[in-house]
Protein backbone atom coordinates (compact mmCIF):
# COMPACT_ATOMS: atom_id res chain seq x y z
CA UNK A 1 118.49 82.97 106.67
CA UNK A 2 115.77 84.36 104.28
CA UNK A 3 112.43 84.26 105.42
CA UNK A 4 110.01 81.92 103.46
CA UNK A 5 106.55 83.31 102.71
CA UNK A 6 103.28 82.04 102.11
CA UNK A 7 100.92 83.64 99.94
CA UNK A 8 97.23 82.92 100.67
CA UNK A 9 94.31 83.67 98.49
CA UNK A 10 91.16 85.42 99.66
CA UNK A 11 89.62 82.20 100.80
CA UNK A 12 92.60 81.60 102.97
CA UNK A 13 93.98 78.86 101.03
CA UNK A 14 97.75 78.29 100.72
CA UNK A 15 99.47 79.05 97.46
CA UNK A 16 102.59 77.83 98.23
CA UNK A 17 105.83 79.72 98.87
CA UNK A 18 106.22 83.08 97.36
CA UNK A 19 108.59 82.94 94.15
CA UNK A 20 110.51 86.03 92.90
CA UNK A 21 108.41 87.23 90.17
CA UNK A 22 110.36 89.08 87.15
CA UNK A 23 110.33 92.66 87.59
CA UNK A 24 109.19 92.92 91.20
CA UNK A 25 110.89 93.22 94.30
CA UNK A 26 110.53 90.11 96.86
CA UNK A 27 107.65 91.16 99.14
CA UNK A 28 108.18 91.15 103.08
CA UNK A 29 105.93 89.38 105.23
CA UNK A 30 104.21 92.67 106.17
CA UNK A 31 103.69 93.75 102.64
CA UNK A 32 102.26 90.53 101.89
CA UNK A 33 99.69 90.93 104.73
CA UNK A 34 98.86 94.13 103.66
CA UNK A 35 98.20 92.85 100.05
CA UNK A 36 96.02 89.91 101.38
CA UNK A 37 94.21 92.46 103.46
CA UNK A 38 93.50 94.78 100.66
CA UNK A 39 92.31 91.42 98.51
CA UNK A 40 89.79 90.62 101.43
CA UNK A 41 88.48 94.29 101.49
CA UNK A 42 88.10 94.07 97.45
CA UNK A 43 86.17 90.75 97.71
CA UNK A 44 83.77 92.11 100.60
CA UNK A 45 82.99 95.51 98.45
CA UNK A 46 82.85 93.56 95.15
CA UNK A 47 80.31 91.38 96.62
CA UNK A 48 78.28 94.47 97.71
CA UNK A 49 77.97 95.87 94.41
CA UNK A 50 77.16 92.25 92.84
CA UNK A 51 74.41 92.01 95.11
CA UNK A 52 72.96 95.32 93.96
CA UNK A 53 71.94 93.66 90.61
CA UNK A 54 68.60 92.88 90.03
CA UNK A 55 67.58 89.35 90.38
CA UNK A 56 64.47 87.10 90.70
CA UNK A 57 65.51 86.54 94.00
CA UNK A 58 66.13 90.10 94.98
CA UNK A 59 63.61 91.84 92.91
CA UNK A 60 63.33 95.30 95.00
CA UNK A 61 66.97 95.76 94.13
CA UNK A 62 67.11 97.61 90.95
CA UNK A 63 70.66 98.90 90.28
CA UNK A 64 71.38 100.03 86.65
CA UNK A 65 73.57 97.13 85.36
CA UNK A 66 75.83 99.29 83.45
CA UNK A 67 76.49 101.70 86.23
CA UNK A 68 77.27 98.62 88.45
CA UNK A 69 79.39 97.00 85.46
CA UNK A 70 81.58 100.50 85.70
CA UNK A 71 81.54 100.33 89.62
CA UNK A 72 83.01 96.89 89.57
CA UNK A 73 85.63 97.74 86.94
CA UNK A 74 86.59 100.95 89.12
CA UNK A 75 86.87 99.16 92.30
CA UNK A 76 88.87 96.25 90.84
CA UNK A 77 91.39 98.98 89.36
CA UNK A 78 91.55 100.54 92.32
CA UNK A 79 92.52 97.65 94.40
CA UNK A 80 94.83 96.80 91.77
CA UNK A 81 96.78 100.17 91.94
CA UNK A 82 96.94 99.90 95.57
CA UNK A 83 98.57 96.51 95.41
CA UNK A 84 100.97 97.53 92.86
CA UNK A 85 101.96 100.17 95.09
CA UNK A 86 102.71 97.90 97.62
CA UNK A 87 104.47 95.59 95.30
CA UNK A 88 106.63 98.50 93.84
CA UNK A 89 107.42 96.91 90.46
CA UNK A 90 111.05 97.81 89.56
CA UNK A 91 111.40 100.14 86.38
CA UNK A 92 114.87 98.40 85.63
CA UNK A 93 113.19 95.13 84.10
């Protein structure tokens, strides 16, 4: 019997059962756990960076907005590639 997996978002809410995505192999429960862990860590790191933007509530923080925006993009990209390494898209699609 095939294992039915649930994909959860970073807030822990169920997204329903995993469906086969065209061009990707079906994920194992361990791969799903690894990807969810990466998504949780990504959210933590992005929150740290976003908190460095200057604001009225936190005027002592004075990060350069352009540099912070680039950092956010690069971090998102790094986590995307890490998740893609786990998902291992098929080349025959």
